[in-house]
């Protein structure tokens, strides 16, 4: 992969297929989809998902609040919502810091 480039799901699939013997892009795509679905299912059920050394995904509840429409300046009500947060793990943090 090139430096300073965005990586998408297709790039991840191609990388996996080329890195693992006998893994086609079709099978790699199924693996990627399965991993993403598993993470989303865990978070959707209110569970945390963590990979030691890489990081952890958690969900948090944002309170309802008021905000402003940036175009009109009108006050709007923003309802409460659940959002996903990611906390980087030590190995990933160290790898990024070394660059």
N, C-alpha and C. Protein backbone atom coordinates (compact mmCIF):
# COMPACT_ATOMS: atom_id res chain seq x y z
N UNK A 1 0.83 -1.18 0.00
CA UNK A 1 0.00 0.00 0.00
C UNK A 1 0.87 1.24 0.00
N UNK A 2 0.36 2.25 -0.62
CA UNK A 2 1.12 3.49 -0.77
C UNK A 2 0.98 4.37 0.46
N UNK A 3 2.00 5.14 0.72
CA UNK A 3 1.96 6.08 1.84
C UNK A 3 0.96 7.19 1.51
N UNK A 4 0.35 7.74 2.54
CA UNK A 4 -0.59 8.85 2.40
C UNK A 4 -1.78 8.52 1.51
N UNK A 5 -2.22 7.28 1.51
CA UNK A 5 -3.40 6.94 0.73
C UNK A 5 -4.48 6.41 1.66
N UNK A 6 -5.71 6.60 1.25
CA UNK A 6 -6.83 6.04 2.00
C UNK A 6 -6.99 4.59 1.60
N UNK A 7 -7.30 3.75 2.55
CA UNK A 7 -7.49 2.33 2.30
C UNK A 7 -8.98 2.04 2.46
N UNK A 8 -9.54 1.31 1.52
CA UNK A 8 -10.94 0.94 1.62
C UNK A 8 -11.07 -0.57 1.77
N UNK A 9 -12.30 -1.03 1.84
CA UNK A 9 -12.55 -2.45 2.04
C UNK A 9 -11.96 -3.29 0.89
N UNK A 10 -12.07 -2.81 -0.33
CA UNK A 10 -11.51 -3.53 -1.47
C UNK A 10 -10.00 -3.70 -1.36
N UNK A 11 -9.32 -2.66 -0.88
CA UNK A 11 -7.88 -2.75 -0.67
C UNK A 11 -7.53 -3.78 0.39
N UNK A 12 -8.33 -3.83 1.45
CA UNK A 12 -8.11 -4.80 2.52
C UNK A 12 -8.31 -6.22 1.98
N UNK A 13 -9.34 -6.42 1.19
CA UNK A 13 -9.61 -7.74 0.60
C UNK A 13 -8.45 -8.18 -0.29
N UNK A 14 -7.97 -7.28 -1.14
CA UNK A 14 -6.85 -7.60 -2.04
C UNK A 14 -5.60 -7.95 -1.24
N UNK A 15 -5.34 -7.19 -0.19
CA UNK A 15 -4.16 -7.44 0.64
C UNK A 15 -4.25 -8.80 1.32
N UNK A 16 -5.41 -9.12 1.87
CA UNK A 16 -5.58 -10.43 2.51
C UNK A 16 -5.40 -11.56 1.51
N UNK A 17 -6.00 -11.41 0.35
CA UNK A 17 -5.92 -12.47 -0.67
C UNK A 17 -4.48 -12.70 -1.12
N UNK A 18 -3.71 -11.63 -1.21
CA UNK A 18 -2.33 -11.77 -1.65
C UNK A 18 -1.39 -12.21 -0.53
N UNK A 19 -1.80 -12.03 0.72
CA UNK A 19 -0.95 -12.36 1.86
C UNK A 19 -1.13 -13.78 2.38
N UNK A 20 -2.27 -14.39 2.09
CA UNK A 20 -2.59 -15.72 2.62
C UNK A 20 -2.65 -16.70 1.46
N UNK A 21 -1.87 -17.78 1.56
CA UNK A 21 -1.87 -18.80 0.51
C UNK A 21 -3.27 -19.37 0.33
N UNK A 22 -3.64 -19.61 -0.92
CA UNK A 22 -4.91 -20.24 -1.31
C UNK A 22 -6.14 -19.47 -0.86
N UNK A 23 -6.03 -18.17 -0.65
CA UNK A 23 -7.19 -17.36 -0.29
C UNK A 23 -7.54 -16.47 -1.48
N UNK A 24 -8.70 -16.71 -2.05
CA UNK A 24 -9.14 -15.91 -3.19
C UNK A 24 -9.72 -14.60 -2.70
N UNK A 25 -9.89 -13.66 -3.61
CA UNK A 25 -10.49 -12.38 -3.23
C UNK A 25 -11.94 -12.57 -2.80
N UNK A 26 -12.64 -13.52 -3.41
CA UNK A 26 -14.03 -13.78 -3.02
C UNK A 26 -14.09 -14.28 -1.58
N UNK A 27 -13.22 -15.22 -1.24
CA UNK A 27 -13.19 -15.74 0.14
C UNK A 27 -12.71 -14.68 1.11
N UNK A 28 -11.73 -13.89 0.71
CA UNK A 28 -11.23 -12.81 1.57
C UNK A 28 -12.34 -11.80 1.85
N UNK A 29 -13.14 -11.50 0.83
CA UNK A 29 -14.26 -10.57 1.02
C UNK A 29 -15.26 -11.13 2.02
N UNK A 30 -15.51 -12.44 1.96
CA UNK A 30 -16.42 -13.07 2.92
C UNK A 30 -15.87 -13.00 4.33
N UNK A 31 -14.56 -13.17 4.47
CA UNK A 31 -13.92 -13.08 5.79
C UNK A 31 -14.04 -11.66 6.34
N UNK A 32 -13.74 -10.68 5.51
CA UNK A 32 -13.82 -9.28 5.94
C UNK A 32 -15.26 -8.95 6.35
N UNK A 33 -16.23 -9.35 5.52
CA UNK A 33 -17.63 -9.10 5.85
C UNK A 33 -18.02 -9.77 7.17
N UNK A 34 -17.57 -11.00 7.37
CA UNK A 34 -17.89 -11.73 8.60
C UNK A 34 -17.31 -11.03 9.83
N UNK A 35 -16.08 -10.56 9.72
CA UNK A 35 -15.44 -9.85 10.84
C UNK A 35 -16.19 -8.56 11.14
N UNK A 36 -16.49 -7.77 10.11
CA UNK A 36 -17.20 -6.51 10.33
C UNK A 36 -18.60 -6.77 10.90
N UNK A 37 -19.28 -7.80 10.40
CA UNK A 37 -20.62 -8.13 10.92
C UNK A 37 -20.55 -8.55 12.38
N UNK A 38 -19.53 -9.33 12.74
CA UNK A 38 -19.38 -9.78 14.11
C UNK A 38 -19.16 -8.59 15.05
N UNK A 39 -18.29 -7.68 14.65
CA UNK A 39 -18.02 -6.49 15.48
C UNK A 39 -19.30 -5.67 15.62
N UNK A 40 -20.01 -5.44 14.51
CA UNK A 40 -21.24 -4.65 14.54
C UNK A 40 -22.31 -5.33 15.40
N UNK A 41 -22.43 -6.66 15.30
CA UNK A 41 -23.40 -7.38 16.13
C UNK A 41 -23.07 -7.24 17.61
N UNK A 42 -21.80 -7.38 17.96
CA UNK A 42 -21.39 -7.22 19.37
C UNK A 42 -21.77 -5.84 19.89
N UNK A 43 -21.42 -4.82 19.12
CA UNK A 43 -21.71 -3.45 19.55
C UNK A 43 -23.20 -3.17 19.56
N UNK A 44 -23.93 -3.74 18.59
CA UNK A 44 -25.37 -3.55 18.53
C UNK A 44 -26.10 -4.15 19.72
N UNK A 45 -25.52 -5.17 20.32
CA UNK A 45 -26.10 -5.82 21.50
C UNK A 45 -25.64 -5.14 22.79
N UNK A 46 -24.85 -4.08 22.67
CA UNK A 46 -24.37 -3.37 23.85
C UNK A 46 -23.09 -3.91 24.43
N UNK A 47 -22.47 -4.86 23.75
CA UNK A 47 -21.21 -5.43 24.23
C UNK A 47 -20.03 -4.65 23.66
N UNK A 48 -18.93 -4.67 24.37
CA UNK A 48 -17.68 -4.09 23.86
C UNK A 48 -16.97 -5.13 23.01
N UNK A 49 -16.10 -4.67 22.12
CA UNK A 49 -15.31 -5.57 21.30
C UNK A 49 -13.87 -5.09 21.35
N UNK A 50 -12.95 -5.98 21.75
CA UNK A 50 -11.55 -5.58 21.85
C UNK A 50 -10.63 -6.61 21.27
N UNK A 51 -9.57 -6.15 20.67
CA UNK A 51 -8.48 -6.99 20.19
C UNK A 51 -7.24 -6.51 20.93
N UNK A 52 -6.73 -7.36 21.81
CA UNK A 52 -5.60 -6.97 22.65
C UNK A 52 -4.44 -6.52 21.77
N UNK A 53 -3.90 -5.36 22.09
CA UNK A 53 -2.79 -4.79 21.34
C UNK A 53 -3.22 -3.90 20.20
N UNK A 54 -4.43 -4.13 19.66
CA UNK A 54 -4.92 -3.31 18.55
C UNK A 54 -5.79 -2.18 19.05
N UNK A 55 -6.83 -2.54 19.80
CA UNK A 55 -7.72 -1.52 20.34
C UNK A 55 -9.06 -2.11 20.73
N UNK A 56 -9.93 -1.25 21.23
CA UNK A 56 -11.24 -1.70 21.66
C UNK A 56 -12.31 -0.72 21.20
N UNK A 57 -13.45 -1.31 20.81
CA UNK A 57 -14.61 -0.55 20.42
C UNK A 57 -15.62 -0.62 21.56
N UNK A 58 -16.20 0.50 21.92
CA UNK A 58 -17.24 0.55 22.94
C UNK A 58 -18.36 1.44 22.43
N UNK A 59 -19.52 1.30 23.03
CA UNK A 59 -20.61 2.21 22.72
C UNK A 59 -20.89 3.07 23.94
N UNK A 60 -21.23 4.30 23.69
CA UNK A 60 -21.58 5.24 24.76
C UNK A 60 -22.86 5.96 24.35
N UNK A 61 -23.60 6.37 25.35
CA UNK A 61 -24.84 7.09 25.12
C UNK A 61 -24.56 8.59 25.17
N UNK A 62 -24.94 9.27 24.11
CA UNK A 62 -24.86 10.74 24.10
C UNK A 62 -26.20 11.29 24.56
N UNK A 63 -26.16 12.24 25.46
CA UNK A 63 -27.38 12.84 25.97
C UNK A 63 -28.02 13.72 24.89
N UNK A 64 -29.31 13.91 25.02
CA UNK A 64 -30.01 14.86 24.15
C UNK A 64 -29.48 16.26 24.46
N UNK A 65 -29.40 17.07 23.45
CA UNK A 65 -28.88 18.42 23.65
C UNK A 65 -29.43 19.34 22.58
N UNK A 66 -29.21 20.61 22.76
CA UNK A 66 -29.63 21.57 21.73
C UNK A 66 -28.40 22.02 20.95
N UNK A 67 -28.62 22.35 19.71
CA UNK A 67 -27.54 22.83 18.85
C UNK A 67 -28.06 23.92 17.95
N UNK A 68 -27.24 24.31 17.00
CA UNK A 68 -27.66 25.36 16.07
C UNK A 68 -27.47 24.88 14.64
N UNK A 69 -28.44 25.20 13.82
CA UNK A 69 -28.33 24.95 12.39
C UNK A 69 -27.28 25.92 11.86
N UNK A 70 -26.17 25.42 11.26
CA UNK A 70 -25.10 26.33 10.83
C UNK A 70 -25.52 27.27 9.70
N UNK A 71 -26.54 26.90 8.93
CA UNK A 71 -26.96 27.76 7.83
C UNK A 71 -27.89 28.87 8.28
N UNK A 72 -28.81 28.53 9.19
CA UNK A 72 -29.81 29.52 9.59
C UNK A 72 -29.58 30.09 10.98
N UNK A 73 -28.82 29.38 11.80
CA UNK A 73 -28.60 29.82 13.17
C UNK A 73 -29.73 29.43 14.10
N UNK A 74 -30.74 28.75 13.58
CA UNK A 74 -31.89 28.36 14.39
C UNK A 74 -31.47 27.27 15.38
N UNK A 75 -32.09 27.33 16.57
CA UNK A 75 -31.82 26.33 17.59
C UNK A 75 -32.55 25.04 17.18
N UNK A 76 -31.84 23.92 17.28
CA UNK A 76 -32.45 22.63 16.98
C UNK A 76 -32.21 21.68 18.16
N UNK A 77 -33.09 20.72 18.30
CA UNK A 77 -32.94 19.71 19.35
C UNK A 77 -32.27 18.49 18.74
N UNK A 78 -31.20 18.05 19.35
CA UNK A 78 -30.47 16.86 18.90
C UNK A 78 -30.83 15.74 19.87
N UNK A 79 -31.47 14.67 19.38
CA UNK A 79 -31.91 13.61 20.29
C UNK A 79 -30.73 12.80 20.84
N UNK A 80 -31.00 12.06 21.92
CA UNK A 80 -29.96 11.20 22.47
C UNK A 80 -29.64 10.12 21.43
N UNK A 81 -28.42 9.59 21.50
CA UNK A 81 -28.02 8.55 20.55
C UNK A 81 -26.90 7.72 21.15
N UNK A 82 -26.73 6.52 20.59
CA UNK A 82 -25.59 5.68 20.96
C UNK A 82 -24.56 5.81 19.86
N UNK A 83 -23.32 6.00 20.25
CA UNK A 83 -22.23 6.14 19.29
C UNK A 83 -21.10 5.18 19.64
N UNK A 84 -20.29 4.86 18.65
CA UNK A 84 -19.17 3.95 18.84
C UNK A 84 -17.91 4.77 19.09
N UNK A 85 -17.15 4.36 20.08
CA UNK A 85 -15.83 4.96 20.34
C UNK A 85 -14.77 3.89 20.17
N UNK A 86 -13.59 4.32 19.78
CA UNK A 86 -12.46 3.41 19.61
C UNK A 86 -11.32 3.90 20.47
N UNK A 87 -10.73 2.99 21.23
CA UNK A 87 -9.55 3.32 22.04
C UNK A 87 -8.41 2.47 21.51
N UNK A 88 -7.36 3.11 21.09
CA UNK A 88 -6.23 2.42 20.48
C UNK A 88 -5.47 1.59 21.52
N UNK A 89 -5.01 0.42 21.11
CA UNK A 89 -4.23 -0.46 21.97
C UNK A 89 -2.76 -0.11 21.95
N UNK A 90 -2.01 -0.64 22.87
CA UNK A 90 -0.61 -0.30 23.03
C UNK A 90 0.23 -0.65 21.80
N UNK A 91 0.07 -1.86 21.25
CA UNK A 91 0.89 -2.25 20.10
C UNK A 91 0.65 -1.33 18.90
N UNK A 92 -0.60 -1.02 18.63
CA UNK A 92 -0.91 -0.12 17.52
C UNK A 92 -0.39 1.28 17.80
N UNK A 93 -0.57 1.73 19.01
CA UNK A 93 -0.09 3.07 19.40
C UNK A 93 1.42 3.17 19.21
N UNK A 94 2.13 2.13 19.67
CA UNK A 94 3.59 2.12 19.53
C UNK A 94 4.02 2.08 18.06
N UNK A 95 3.31 1.30 17.26
CA UNK A 95 3.65 1.19 15.84
C UNK A 95 3.45 2.52 15.12
N UNK A 96 2.37 3.19 15.42
CA UNK A 96 2.10 4.49 14.80
C UNK A 96 3.10 5.53 15.29
N UNK A 97 3.45 5.50 16.57
CA UNK A 97 4.38 6.47 17.14
C UNK A 97 5.78 6.33 16.56
N UNK A 98 6.14 5.11 16.13
CA UNK A 98 7.48 4.88 15.58
C UNK A 98 7.65 5.49 14.20
N UNK A 99 6.58 5.80 13.52
CA UNK A 99 6.67 6.28 12.12
C UNK A 99 7.05 7.73 12.05
